[in-house]
Amino acid sequence: MNRTVSRAVYCAAMICTFLCITSFSPGEGKRYVPNESFGFGERLEFRVGYKFITAGTAYFHVLPEPIIRNGQQCYDVRFQVRSLQSLEWLYRVKDDYRTVLDVDGIFPYEFEQHIREGGYKRDFKATFDQVQNVARTTEGEFSVTPFIHDVVSAFYYVRTLDLQNKKKGEIIPLKNFFDKKTHDLGVKILGKQTIEVEAGTFRCIVIEPLVVEGGLFKADGKILIWVSDDERKIPVKVATKIPIGSIDTELTSYKGLRGPLQSLVQ
């Protein structure tokens, strides 16, 4: 397992920053985004593998209890990727992410990233001033766009949006802040497909991140993401195309959902 494995899961969070416009007043540091997609206590678990070989596991978890930041109630969201212990002699992956997400506005106040992949190590922290539009990080202070997202908060923000009514072939422009810069990115709607994973059979919307020069995943090959075609919009599968095949991240279990999965085929 190499760094592409963990990035395949990482991409599930990266897929959609700012997929549509919501009403807000730039500079005021506050907005309201309707959310019926997720809530406290939700946990999504995944298998990461190559062909028939399981190489690792991953999960997204919204902790059950709210925390307070800037006087606002927030979600405490965790994202973790682990290689199997039996394969750590070959390549060890231990990645942890955390975002503190405003419940009303679905934007972050804090972000942490702790990466251990083979011999590579990175520890990164950021606090987001959503009034002054500044990201204060362990790598410096940077101007950002209003309601900027980190990679994990972007994933949860996108789940609040109406993806079901996007047209096939439609490309949605977006931006992502990474490595001291704000990068252009886009997401293309490829259509709908029913797929089977360990967690069940789901009707899904298939999307593809389009990476331009300077983007995070430029060298990682084509990436496809299947999200459930319902109000929950949970990631069901992520496929990262590489020269020797595909690394797949597939949903194995879920609990604590805000409502039923109408995309689940009975």
C-alpha atoms as a PDB file:
ATOM      1  CA  MET A   1       0.000   0.000   0.000  1.00  0.00           C
ATOM      2  CA  ASN A   2       1.380   3.421  -0.905  1.00  0.00           C
ATOM      3  CA  ARG A   3       0.288   7.020  -0.381  1.00  0.00           C
ATOM      4  CA  THR A   4      -2.285   6.691  -3.157  1.00  0.00           C
ATOM      5  CA  VAL A   5      -4.323   4.391  -0.874  1.00  0.00           C
ATOM      6  CA  SER A   6      -4.868   6.940   1.850  1.00  0.00           C
ATOM      7  CA  ARG A   7      -5.382   9.708  -0.694  1.00  0.00           C
ATOM      8  CA  ALA A   8      -8.198   7.685  -2.264  1.00  0.00           C
ATOM      9  CA  VAL A   9     -10.089   7.975   1.008  1.00  0.00           C
ATOM     10  CA  TYR A  10      -8.830  11.526   1.526  1.00  0.00           C
ATOM     11  CA  CYS A  11     -10.409  12.340  -1.810  1.00  0.00           C
ATOM     12  CA  ALA A  12     -13.842  11.405  -0.517  1.00  0.00           C
ATOM     13  CA  ALA A  13     -13.583  14.473   1.631  1.00  0.00           C
ATOM     14  CA  MET A  14     -11.919  16.563  -1.059  1.00  0.00           C
ATOM     15  CA  ILE A  15     -14.508  16.004  -3.757  1.00  0.00           C
ATOM     16  CA  CYS A  16     -16.712  19.009  -3.264  1.00  0.00           C
ATOM     17  CA  THR A  17     -15.843  22.359  -1.813  1.00  0.00           C
ATOM     18  CA  PHE A  18     -18.480  24.997  -2.548  1.00  0.00           C
ATOM     19  CA  LEU A  19     -20.649  23.032  -4.994  1.00  0.00           C
ATOM     20  CA  CYS A  20     -23.378  25.653  -4.901  1.00  0.00           C
ATOM     21  CA  ILE A  21     -23.932  29.161  -3.632  1.00  0.00           C
ATOM     22  CA  THR A  22     -25.672  29.684  -0.278  1.00  0.00           C
ATOM     23  CA  SER A  23     -26.970  32.949   1.083  1.00  0.00           C
ATOM     24  CA  PHE A  24     -24.536  34.824   3.299  1.00  0.00           C
ATOM     25  CA  SER A  25     -23.043  38.247   3.863  1.00  0.00           C
ATOM     26  CA  PRO A  26     -19.273  38.099   3.261  1.00  0.00           C
ATOM     27  CA  GLY A  27     -17.280  39.360   6.196  1.00  0.00           C
ATOM     28  CA  GLU A  28     -19.999  38.821   8.787  1.00  0.00           C
ATOM     29  CA  GLY A  29     -18.696  35.355   9.608  1.00  0.00           C
ATOM     30  CA  LYS A  30     -22.155  33.801   9.792  1.00  0.00           C
ATOM     31  CA  ARG A  31     -24.594  32.029   7.500  1.00  0.00           C
ATOM     32  CA  TYR A  32     -27.280  29.380   7.749  1.00  0.00           C
ATOM     33  CA  VAL A  33     -27.168  26.177   5.686  1.00  0.00           C
ATOM     34  CA  PRO A  34     -30.175  23.821   5.974  1.00  0.00           C
ATOM     35  CA  ASN A  35     -28.958  20.335   6.888  1.00  0.00           C
ATOM     36  CA  GLU A  36     -30.987  17.135   6.880  1.00  0.00           C
ATOM     37  CA  SER A  37     -28.057  14.984   5.754  1.00  0.00           C
ATOM     38  CA  PHE A  38     -26.056  14.266   8.924  1.00  0.00           C
ATOM     39  CA  GLY A  39     -26.016  14.894  12.648  1.00  0.00           C
ATOM     40  CA  PHE A  40     -24.359  14.066  15.944  1.00  0.00           C
ATOM     41  CA  GLY A  41     -23.258  10.447  16.332  1.00  0.00           C
ATOM     42  CA  GLU A  42     -23.041   9.490  12.654  1.00  0.00           C
ATOM     43  CA  ARG A  43     -20.269   6.996  11.856  1.00  0.00           C
ATOM     44  CA  LEU A  44     -19.294   5.682   8.385  1.00  0.00           C
ATOM     45  CA  GLU A  45     -16.753   2.879   8.047  1.00  0.00           C
ATOM     46  CA  PHE A  46     -14.827   1.801   4.945  1.00  0.00           C
ATOM     47  CA  ARG A  47     -12.584  -0.897   3.513  1.00  0.00           C
ATOM     48  CA  VAL A  48      -9.589   0.253   1.457  1.00  0.00           C
ATOM     49  CA  GLY A  49      -8.293  -2.329  -0.989  1.00  0.00           C
ATOM     50  CA  TYR A  50      -6.649  -3.256  -4.260  1.00  0.00           C
ATOM     51  CA  LYS A  51      -8.585  -5.876  -6.259  1.00  0.00           C
ATOM     52  CA  PHE A  52      -9.387  -8.588  -3.698  1.00  0.00           C
ATOM     53  CA  ILE A  53      -6.785  -7.522  -1.130  1.00  0.00           C
ATOM     54  CA  THR A  54      -7.862  -5.460   1.893  1.00  0.00           C
ATOM     55  CA  ALA A  55      -5.066  -2.998   2.617  1.00  0.00           C
ATOM     56  CA  GLY A  56      -6.630  -0.792   5.264  1.00  0.00           C
ATOM     57  CA  THR A  57      -9.682   0.739   6.919  1.00  0.00           C
ATOM     58  CA  ALA A  58     -11.094   4.211   7.334  1.00  0.00           C
ATOM     59  CA  TYR A  59     -13.938   6.017   9.034  1.00  0.00           C
ATOM     60  CA  PHE A  60     -15.756   9.334   9.301  1.00  0.00           C
ATOM     61  CA  HIS A  61     -17.270  10.043  12.716  1.00  0.00           C
ATOM     62  CA  VAL A  62     -19.336  12.965  13.992  1.00  0.00           C
ATOM     63  CA  LEU A  63     -18.888  12.722  17.757  1.00  0.00           C
ATOM     64  CA  PRO A  64     -22.142  12.382  19.735  1.00  0.00           C
ATOM     65  CA  GLU A  65     -21.801  15.567  21.804  1.00  0.00           C
ATOM     66  CA  PRO A  66     -21.528  19.168  20.544  1.00  0.00           C
ATOM     67  CA  ILE A  67     -18.628  21.461  21.453  1.00  0.00           C
ATOM     68  CA  ILE A  68     -18.626  25.265  21.617  1.00  0.00           C
ATOM     69  CA  ARG A  69     -16.391  27.559  19.583  1.00  0.00           C
ATOM     70  CA  ASN A  70     -16.818  31.340  19.265  1.00  0.00           C
ATOM     71  CA  GLY A  71     -20.055  31.010  21.217  1.00  0.00           C
ATOM     72  CA  GLN A  72     -21.493  28.659  18.582  1.00  0.00           C
ATOM     73  CA  GLN A  73     -22.511  25.009  18.798  1.00  0.00           C
ATOM     74  CA  CYS A  74     -20.229  22.835  16.642  1.00  0.00           C
ATOM     75  CA  TYR A  75     -19.809  19.322  15.329  1.00  0.00           C
ATOM     76  CA  ASP A  76     -16.568  17.586  16.337  1.00  0.00           C
ATOM     77  CA  VAL A  77     -15.744  15.523  13.239  1.00  0.00           C
ATOM     78  CA  ARG A  78     -12.998  12.910  12.955  1.00  0.00           C
ATOM     79  CA  PHE A  79     -11.577  11.176   9.880  1.00  0.00           C
ATOM     80  CA  GLN A  80      -9.098   8.333  10.213  1.00  0.00           C
ATOM     81  CA  VAL A  81      -7.198   6.012   7.843  1.00  0.00           C
ATOM     82  CA  ARG A  82      -5.252   2.951   8.993  1.00  0.00           C
ATOM     83  CA  SER A  83      -3.281   0.257   7.183  1.00  0.00           C
ATOM     84  CA  LEU A  84      -3.825  -3.292   8.390  1.00  0.00           C
ATOM     85  CA  GLN A  85      -1.320  -4.345  11.034  1.00  0.00           C
ATOM     86  CA  SER A  86      -0.450  -7.396   8.948  1.00  0.00           C
ATOM     87  CA  LEU A  87       0.733  -5.096   6.124  1.00  0.00           C
ATOM     88  CA  GLU A  88       2.569  -2.482   8.153  1.00  0.00           C
ATOM     89  CA  TRP A  89       5.881  -4.191   7.486  1.00  0.00           C
ATOM     90  CA  LEU A  90       5.287  -3.303   3.821  1.00  0.00           C
ATOM     91  CA  TYR A  91       3.864   0.211   4.208  1.00  0.00           C
ATOM     92  CA  ARG A  92       2.391   1.788   7.326  1.00  0.00           C
ATOM     93  CA  VAL A  93      -0.416   4.347   7.169  1.00  0.00           C
ATOM     94  CA  LYS A  94      -1.752   6.169  10.226  1.00  0.00           C
ATOM     95  CA  ASP A  95      -3.620   9.332   9.254  1.00  0.00           C
ATOM     96  CA  ASP A  96      -5.881  11.397  11.520  1.00  0.00           C
ATOM     97  CA  TYR A  97      -7.961  14.450  10.688  1.00  0.00           C
ATOM     98  CA  ARG A  98     -10.258  16.610  12.795  1.00  0.00           C
ATOM     99  CA  THR A  99     -12.498  19.536  11.996  1.00  0.00           C
ATOM    100  CA  VAL A 100     -14.636  21.685  14.293  1.00  0.00           C
ATOM    101  CA  LEU A 101     -17.690  22.537  12.217  1.00  0.00           C
ATOM    102  CA  ASP A 102     -20.289  25.248  12.880  1.00  0.00           C
ATOM    103  CA  VAL A 103     -23.678  23.531  13.206  1.00  0.00           C
ATOM    104  CA  ASP A 104     -25.679  26.335  11.594  1.00  0.00           C
ATOM    105  CA  GLY A 105     -23.300  27.447   8.842  1.00  0.00           C
ATOM    106  CA  ILE A 106     -21.428  24.172   8.084  1.00  0.00           C
ATOM    107  CA  PHE A 107     -18.040  25.893   7.972  1.00  0.00           C
ATOM    108  CA  PRO A 108     -14.910  25.151  10.054  1.00  0.00           C
ATOM    109  CA  TYR A 109     -13.349  26.987  12.963  1.00  0.00           C
ATOM    110  CA  GLU A 110     -10.461  24.538  13.485  1.00  0.00           C
ATOM    111  CA  PHE A 111      -8.677  21.824  11.518  1.00  0.00           C
ATOM    112  CA  GLU A 112      -5.976  19.300  12.419  1.00  0.00           C
ATOM    113  CA  GLN A 113      -4.077  16.836  10.233  1.00  0.00           C
ATOM    114  CA  HIS A 114      -1.616  14.217  11.479  1.00  0.00           C
ATOM    115  CA  ILE A 115      -0.137  12.021   8.741  1.00  0.00           C
ATOM    116  CA  ARG A 116       2.140   9.016   9.087  1.00  0.00           C
ATOM    117  CA  GLU A 117       2.672   7.242   5.743  1.00  0.00           C
ATOM    118  CA  GLY A 118       5.788   5.114   5.430  1.00  0.00           C
ATOM    119  CA  GLY A 119       8.654   7.520   6.077  1.00  0.00           C
ATOM    120  CA  TYR A 120       6.502  10.594   5.451  1.00  0.00           C
ATOM    121  CA  LYS A 121       5.278  12.667   8.404  1.00  0.00           C
ATOM    122  CA  ARG A 122       3.158  15.822   8.567  1.00  0.00           C
ATOM    123  CA  ASP A 123       1.433  17.614  11.440  1.00  0.00           C
ATOM    124  CA  PHE A 124      -0.720  20.594  10.531  1.00  0.00           C
ATOM    125  CA  LYS A 125      -3.156  22.781  12.440  1.00  0.00           C
ATOM    126  CA  ALA A 126      -5.284  25.717  11.398  1.00  0.00           C
ATOM    127  CA  THR A 127      -7.820  28.066  12.921  1.00  0.00           C
ATOM    128  CA  PHE A 128     -10.175  29.881  10.574  1.00  0.00           C
ATOM    129  CA  ASP A 129     -11.236  33.443  11.269  1.00  0.00           C
ATOM    130  CA  GLN A 130     -14.528  33.531   9.373  1.00  0.00           C
ATOM    131  CA  VAL A 131     -14.957  37.261  10.054  1.00  0.00           C
ATOM    132  CA  GLN A 132     -11.563  38.508   8.827  1.00  0.00           C
ATOM    133  CA  ASN A 133     -11.231  35.708   6.237  1.00  0.00           C
ATOM    134  CA  VAL A 134      -7.859  34.549   7.520  1.00  0.00           C
ATOM    135  CA  ALA A 135      -6.427  31.061   8.044  1.00  0.00           C
ATOM    136  CA  ARG A 136      -3.872  30.987  10.869  1.00  0.00           C
ATOM    137  CA  THR A 137      -1.856  27.816  10.458  1.00  0.00           C
ATOM    138  CA  THR A 138       1.322  26.110  11.603  1.00  0.00           C
ATOM    139  CA  GLU A 139       2.774  27.149   8.233  1.00  0.00           C
ATOM    140  CA  GLY A 140       1.829  30.810   8.443  1.00  0.00           C
ATOM    141  CA  GLU A 141      -1.126  33.149   8.072  1.00  0.00           C
ATOM    142  CA  PHE A 142      -3.045  33.330   4.795  1.00  0.00           C
ATOM    143  CA  SER A 143      -5.936  35.283   3.344  1.00  0.00           C
ATOM    144  CA  VAL A 144      -8.842  33.055   2.307  1.00  0.00           C
ATOM    145  CA  THR A 145     -12.241  33.366   0.680  1.00  0.00           C
ATOM    146  CA  PRO A 146     -15.391  33.760   2.830  1.00  0.00           C
ATOM    147  CA  PHE A 147     -16.393  30.566   4.642  1.00  0.00           C
ATOM    148  CA  ILE A 148     -13.317  28.684   3.461  1.00  0.00           C
ATOM    149  CA  HIS A 149     -13.328  24.930   4.040  1.00  0.00           C
ATOM    150  CA  ASP A 150     -10.759  22.403   5.093  1.00  0.00           C
ATOM    151  CA  VAL A 151     -10.840  19.046   3.331  1.00  0.00           C
ATOM    152  CA  VAL A 152     -13.094  17.349   5.911  1.00  0.00           C
ATOM    153  CA  SER A 153     -15.563  20.192   6.438  1.00  0.00           C
ATOM    154  CA  ALA A 154     -15.959  20.453   2.652  1.00  0.00           C
ATOM    155  CA  PHE A 155     -17.202  16.864   2.524  1.00  0.00           C
ATOM    156  CA  TYR A 156     -19.879  17.512   5.125  1.00  0.00           C
ATOM    157  CA  TYR A 157     -20.901  20.816   3.556  1.00  0.00           C
ATOM    158  CA  VAL A 158     -21.454  19.145   0.197  1.00  0.00           C
ATOM    159  CA  ARG A 159     -23.774  16.591   1.757  1.00  0.00           C
ATOM    160  CA  THR A 160     -26.210  19.400   2.580  1.00  0.00           C
ATOM    161  CA  LEU A 161     -26.559  20.342  -1.101  1.00  0.00           C
ATOM    162  CA  ASP A 162     -29.016  19.223  -3.776  1.00  0.00           C
ATOM    163  CA  LEU A 163     -26.887  16.905  -5.907  1.00  0.00           C
ATOM    164  CA  GLN A 164     -29.820  14.810  -7.072  1.00  0.00           C
ATOM    165  CA  ASN A 165     -31.028  17.462  -9.518  1.00  0.00           C
ATOM    166  CA  LYS A 166     -27.667  18.215 -11.120  1.00  0.00           C
ATOM    167  CA  LYS A 167     -27.560  17.398 -14.819  1.00  0.00           C
ATOM    168  CA  LYS A 168     -25.296  14.747 -16.330  1.00  0.00           C
ATOM    169  CA  GLY A 169     -22.180  16.397 -17.716  1.00  0.00           C
ATOM    170  CA  GLU A 170     -22.575  19.494 -15.564  1.00  0.00           C
ATOM    171  CA  ILE A 171     -19.297  20.798 -14.178  1.00  0.00           C
ATOM    172  CA  ILE A 172     -19.481  22.596 -10.871  1.00  0.00           C
ATOM    173  CA  PRO A 173     -16.635  25.084 -10.194  1.00  0.00           C
ATOM    174  CA  LEU A 174     -15.175  25.258  -6.725  1.00  0.00           C
ATOM    175  CA  LYS A 175     -12.076  26.241  -4.808  1.00  0.00           C
ATOM    176  CA  ASN A 176      -9.955  24.531  -2.171  1.00  0.00           C
ATOM    177  CA  PHE A 177      -7.361  25.908   0.228  1.00  0.00           C
ATOM    178  CA  PHE A 178      -4.312  23.647   0.423  1.00  0.00           C
ATOM    179  CA  ASP A 179      -0.575  24.075   0.862  1.00  0.00           C
ATOM    180  CA  LYS A 180      -0.683  27.840   1.461  1.00  0.00           C
ATOM    181  CA  LYS A 181      -2.842  28.525  -1.601  1.00  0.00           C
ATOM    182  CA  THR A 182      -6.421  28.562  -2.781  1.00  0.00           C
ATOM    183  CA  HIS A 183      -6.713  26.151  -5.712  1.00  0.00           C
ATOM    184  CA  ASP A 184      -9.305  25.934  -8.464  1.00  0.00           C
ATOM    185  CA  LEU A 185     -11.069  22.608  -8.665  1.00  0.00           C
ATOM    186  CA  GLY A 186     -14.228  21.288 -10.288  1.00  0.00           C
ATOM    187  CA  VAL A 187     -16.633  18.387  -9.999  1.00  0.00           C
ATOM    188  CA  LYS A 188     -18.291  16.760 -13.007  1.00  0.00           C
ATOM    189  CA  ILE A 189     -21.619  14.945 -12.702  1.00  0.00           C
ATOM    190  CA  LEU A 190     -21.247  11.658 -14.594  1.00  0.00           C
ATOM    191  CA  GLY A 191     -24.709  10.224 -14.006  1.00  0.00           C
ATOM    192  CA  LYS A 192     -26.333   7.621 -11.806  1.00  0.00           C
ATOM    193  CA  GLN A 193     -25.503   3.974 -11.133  1.00  0.00           C
ATOM    194  CA  THR A 194     -26.533   1.212  -8.762  1.00  0.00           C
ATOM    195  CA  ILE A 195     -23.585  -0.501  -7.066  1.00  0.00           C
ATOM    196  CA  GLU A 196     -23.092  -3.212  -4.453  1.00  0.00           C
ATOM    197  CA  VAL A 197     -20.627  -2.924  -1.560  1.00  0.00           C
ATOM    198  CA  GLU A 198     -20.318  -4.731   1.760  1.00  0.00           C
ATOM    199  CA  ALA A 199     -22.799  -2.345   3.403  1.00  0.00           C
ATOM    200  CA  GLY A 200     -25.465  -3.087   0.788  1.00  0.00           C
ATOM    201  CA  THR A 201     -26.669  -2.204  -2.688  1.00  0.00           C
ATOM    202  CA  PHE A 202     -27.177   1.511  -3.314  1.00  0.00           C
ATOM    203  CA  ARG A 203     -28.482   3.794  -6.020  1.00  0.00           C
ATOM    204  CA  CYS A 204     -25.723   6.377  -6.412  1.00  0.00           C
ATOM    205  CA  ILE A 205     -24.743   9.623  -8.083  1.00  0.00           C
ATOM    206  CA  VAL A 206     -21.335   9.293  -9.772  1.00  0.00           C
ATOM    207  CA  ILE A 207     -19.052  12.318  -9.750  1.00  0.00           C
ATOM    208  CA  GLU A 208     -15.498  13.047 -10.862  1.00  0.00           C
ATOM    209  CA  PRO A 209     -13.169  15.695  -9.402  1.00  0.00           C
ATOM    210  CA  LEU A 210     -11.436  17.624 -12.206  1.00  0.00           C
ATOM    211  CA  VAL A 211      -7.976  18.718 -11.181  1.00  0.00           C
ATOM    212  CA  VAL A 212      -6.175  21.605 -12.843  1.00  0.00           C
ATOM    213  CA  GLU A 213      -2.538  22.660 -12.705  1.00  0.00           C
ATOM    214  CA  GLY A 214      -1.409  23.021  -9.118  1.00  0.00           C
ATOM    215  CA  GLY A 215      -4.176  20.840  -7.730  1.00  0.00           C
ATOM    216  CA  LEU A 216      -3.562  18.364  -4.952  1.00  0.00           C
ATOM    217  CA  PHE A 217      -4.291  15.173  -6.877  1.00  0.00           C
ATOM    218  CA  LYS A 218      -2.712  15.999 -10.243  1.00  0.00           C
ATOM    219  CA  ALA A 219      -0.334  13.011 -10.144  1.00  0.00           C
ATOM    220  CA  ASP A 220      -2.754  10.528  -8.634  1.00  0.00           C
ATOM    221  CA  GLY A 221      -4.790   9.584 -11.679  1.00  0.00           C
ATOM    222  CA  LYS A 222      -8.527   9.687 -12.363  1.00  0.00           C
ATOM    223  CA  ILE A 223     -10.816   9.591  -9.338  1.00  0.00           C
ATOM    224  CA  LEU A 224     -14.496   8.588  -9.301  1.00  0.00           C
ATOM    225  CA  ILE A 225     -16.836   8.891  -6.331  1.00  0.00           C
ATOM    226  CA  TRP A 226     -20.235   7.265  -5.781  1.00  0.00           C
ATOM    227  CA  VAL A 227     -22.500   9.058  -3.273  1.00  0.00           C
ATOM    228  CA  SER A 228     -25.906   7.759  -2.193  1.00  0.00           C
ATOM    229  CA  ASP A 229     -28.725   9.161  -4.303  1.00  0.00           C
ATOM    230  CA  ASP A 230     -30.848  10.380  -1.400  1.00  0.00           C
ATOM    231  CA  GLU A 231     -30.960  13.026   1.318  1.00  0.00           C
ATOM    232  CA  ARG A 232     -28.012  11.495   3.231  1.00  0.00           C
ATOM    233  CA  LYS A 233     -25.503  11.622   0.337  1.00  0.00           C
ATOM    234  CA  ILE A 234     -23.014   9.357   2.080  1.00  0.00           C
ATOM    235  CA  PRO A 235     -19.924   8.215   0.142  1.00  0.00           C
ATOM    236  CA  VAL A 236     -20.479   4.610  -0.887  1.00  0.00           C
ATOM    237  CA  LYS A 237     -17.345   4.087  -2.986  1.00  0.00           C
ATOM    238  CA  VAL A 238     -14.212   5.949  -4.111  1.00  0.00           C
ATOM    239  CA  ALA A 239     -12.150   4.533  -6.978  1.00  0.00           C
ATOM    240  CA  THR A 240      -8.678   5.902  -7.697  1.00  0.00           C
ATOM    241  CA  LYS A 241      -7.346   4.887 -11.100  1.00  0.00           C
ATOM    242  CA  ILE A 242      -3.635   4.075 -11.159  1.00  0.00           C
ATOM    243  CA  PRO A 243      -1.442   2.579 -13.937  1.00  0.00           C
ATOM    244  CA  ILE A 244      -1.797  -0.968 -12.575  1.00  0.00           C
ATOM    245  CA  GLY A 245      -5.513  -0.876 -11.834  1.00  0.00           C
ATOM    246  CA  SER A 246      -7.752   0.761  -9.269  1.00  0.00           C
ATOM    247  CA  ILE A 247      -7.618   1.327  -5.518  1.00  0.00           C
ATOM    248  CA  ASP A 248     -11.148   1.155  -4.136  1.00  0.00           C
ATOM    249  CA  THR A 249     -12.567   2.498  -0.898  1.00  0.00           C
ATOM    250  CA  GLU A 250     -15.953   0.919  -0.130  1.00  0.00           C
ATOM    251  CA  LEU A 251     -18.533   1.461   2.594  1.00  0.00           C
ATOM    252  CA  THR A 252     -18.724  -1.464   5.031  1.00  0.00           C
ATOM    253  CA  SER A 253     -21.052  -0.150   7.751  1.00  0.00           C
ATOM    254  CA  TYR A 254     -22.905   2.905   8.992  1.00  0.00           C
ATOM    255  CA  LYS A 255     -24.800   3.988  12.095  1.00  0.00           C
ATOM    256  CA  GLY A 256     -26.268   7.081  13.694  1.00  0.00           C
ATOM    257  CA  LEU A 257     -27.689   8.415  10.438  1.00  0.00           C
ATOM    258  CA  ARG A 258     -29.991  11.423  10.563  1.00  0.00           C
ATOM    259  CA  GLY A 259     -32.655   9.591   8.601  1.00  0.00           C
ATOM    260  CA  PRO A 260     -33.312   6.608   6.346  1.00  0.00           C
ATOM    261  CA  LEU A 261     -31.212   5.704   3.310  1.00  0.00           C
ATOM    262  CA  GLN A 262     -33.794   5.748   0.553  1.00  0.00           C
ATOM    263  CA  SER A 263     -31.100   4.832  -1.970  1.00  0.00           C
ATOM    264  CA  LEU A 264     -30.600   1.449  -0.285  1.00  0.00           C
ATOM    265  CA  VAL A 265     -32.033  -1.257  -2.535  1.00  0.00           C
ATOM    266  CA  GLN A 266     -34.045  -3.722  -0.438  1.00  0.00           C
END
